[in-house]
Amino acid sequence: MKRSASRPHPNPRKTRTAKQLVREIKYLRSLTKDITTHYSLSVHGSLASIVRILETPPTQKKGVHRPNEKTMGAMLAALRSLTVKKKKGRAKDLRRIEVLAKKLKNLMPSQP
């Protein structure tokens, strides 16, 4: 049986390499998803711990130390100065948020 001119004979080496490449790219996609999930959870956790402390009613402050008014003002100013373009999904925006979360955490008084 003759092959038609429109269907070239596939090169087994190229096919094997393409399959390996697809497998590696799929792994990279999975790795990217896992890393961004863990990264997001870390930043969310830091921010959640700050919120938990700030939301603790003053009557239930046993063992919880809130920042003073001056520090909270600085924290608020830092939050308001954040500029990101969330629709673009840029790595530098994630980095800015991470840096801000660390700054806020460092401004918080140490907890027992």
Protein backbone atom coordinates (compact mmCIF):
# COMPACT_ATOMS: atom_id res chain seq x y z
CA MET A 1 0.00 0.00 0.00
CA LYS A 2 1.31 3.39 -0.97
CA ARG A 3 1.35 6.38 1.41
CA SER A 4 -0.30 9.53 0.19
CA ALA A 5 1.90 12.56 -0.31
CA SER A 6 -0.16 14.58 2.19
CA ARG A 7 0.70 12.25 5.11
CA PRO A 8 4.45 12.13 5.63
CA HIS A 9 5.91 9.14 7.43
CA PRO A 10 6.28 10.04 11.13
CA ASN A 11 9.80 9.97 12.48
CA PRO A 12 9.75 7.70 15.58
CA ARG A 13 12.54 9.69 17.25
CA LYS A 14 10.67 12.99 16.85
CA THR A 15 7.47 11.40 18.12
CA ARG A 16 9.25 10.03 21.18
CA THR A 17 10.91 13.40 21.88
CA ALA A 18 7.60 15.23 21.48
CA LYS A 19 5.93 12.86 23.94
CA GLN A 20 8.74 13.39 26.44
CA LEU A 21 8.48 17.14 25.99
CA VAL A 22 4.71 17.07 26.55
CA ARG A 23 5.19 14.97 29.70
CA GLU A 24 7.79 17.42 31.08
CA ILE A 25 5.64 20.47 30.30
CA LYS A 26 2.65 18.86 32.01
CA TYR A 27 4.84 18.21 35.05
CA LEU A 28 5.98 21.85 35.00
CA ARG A 29 2.36 23.00 34.91
CA SER A 30 1.56 20.81 37.91
CA LEU A 31 4.65 22.04 39.74
CA THR A 32 3.69 25.65 39.06
CA LYS A 33 0.21 25.05 40.44
CA ASP A 34 1.57 23.38 43.61
CA ILE A 35 4.12 26.12 44.26
CA THR A 36 1.65 28.96 43.74
CA THR A 37 -0.84 27.22 46.03
CA HIS A 38 1.72 26.86 48.83
CA TYR A 39 2.94 30.42 48.28
CA SER A 40 -0.61 31.75 48.44
CA LEU A 41 -1.38 29.78 51.60
CA SER A 42 1.74 31.16 53.27
CA VAL A 43 0.88 34.79 52.50
CA HIS A 44 -2.80 34.25 53.39
CA GLY A 45 -1.77 32.67 56.69
CA SER A 46 0.42 35.61 57.64
CA LEU A 47 -2.35 38.07 56.89
CA ALA A 48 -4.95 35.94 58.67
CA SER A 49 -2.87 35.84 61.86
CA ILE A 50 -2.65 39.65 61.84
CA VAL A 51 -6.40 39.96 61.30
CA ARG A 52 -7.09 37.47 64.12
CA ILE A 53 -5.06 39.57 66.56
CA LEU A 54 -6.60 42.86 65.43
CA GLU A 55 -10.14 41.45 65.64
CA THR A 56 -9.70 40.17 69.19
CA PRO A 57 -11.95 42.32 71.37
CA PRO A 58 -10.03 44.38 73.96
CA THR A 59 -11.95 42.61 76.71
CA GLN A 60 -10.54 39.27 75.55
CA LYS A 61 -6.95 40.46 75.04
CA LYS A 62 -5.53 37.98 77.50
CA GLY A 63 -2.21 37.03 75.95
CA VAL A 64 -2.84 39.02 72.75
CA HIS A 65 -0.83 42.18 72.13
CA ARG A 66 -2.19 44.66 69.61
CA PRO A 67 0.04 47.28 68.03
CA ASN A 68 -0.28 50.83 69.31
CA GLU A 69 -2.20 53.51 67.35
CA LYS A 70 0.94 54.91 65.72
CA THR A 71 1.96 51.47 64.45
CA MET A 72 -1.55 50.70 63.21
CA GLY A 73 -1.51 54.03 61.34
CA ALA A 74 1.79 53.04 59.69
CA MET A 75 0.32 49.65 58.79
CA LEU A 76 -2.74 51.30 57.25
CA ALA A 77 -0.55 53.69 55.24
CA ALA A 78 1.53 50.77 53.96
CA LEU A 79 -1.62 48.90 52.90
CA ARG A 80 -2.98 51.94 51.10
CA SER A 81 0.27 52.51 49.24
CA LEU A 82 0.18 49.06 47.62
CA THR A 83 -0.21 49.25 43.86
CA VAL A 84 -0.88 46.12 41.86
CA LYS A 85 -2.49 45.24 38.55
CA LYS A 86 -4.40 42.15 39.59
CA LYS A 87 -5.81 41.40 36.14
CA LYS A 88 -2.30 41.01 34.72
CA GLY A 89 -1.27 38.32 37.22
CA ARG A 90 2.29 39.59 37.45
CA ALA A 91 4.94 37.97 39.61
CA LYS A 92 6.15 41.38 40.77
CA ASP A 93 2.66 42.10 42.16
CA LEU A 94 2.79 38.87 44.16
CA ARG A 95 6.21 39.89 45.42
CA ARG A 96 4.89 43.31 46.48
CA ILE A 97 2.08 41.65 48.41
CA GLU A 98 4.51 39.23 50.06
CA VAL A 99 6.85 42.07 51.08
CA LEU A 100 3.91 44.03 52.47
CA ALA A 101 2.65 41.00 54.44
CA LYS A 102 6.13 40.55 55.96
CA LYS A 103 6.32 44.26 56.81
CA LEU A 104 2.93 44.12 58.53
CA LYS A 105 3.91 41.01 60.44
CA ASN A 106 7.16 42.65 61.57
CA LEU A 107 5.23 45.69 62.81
CA MET A 108 3.05 43.50 65.00
CA PRO A 109 4.14 43.15 68.64
CA SER A 110 5.50 39.73 69.47
CA GLN A 111 2.82 37.39 70.79
CA PRO A 112 3.24 35.07 73.75
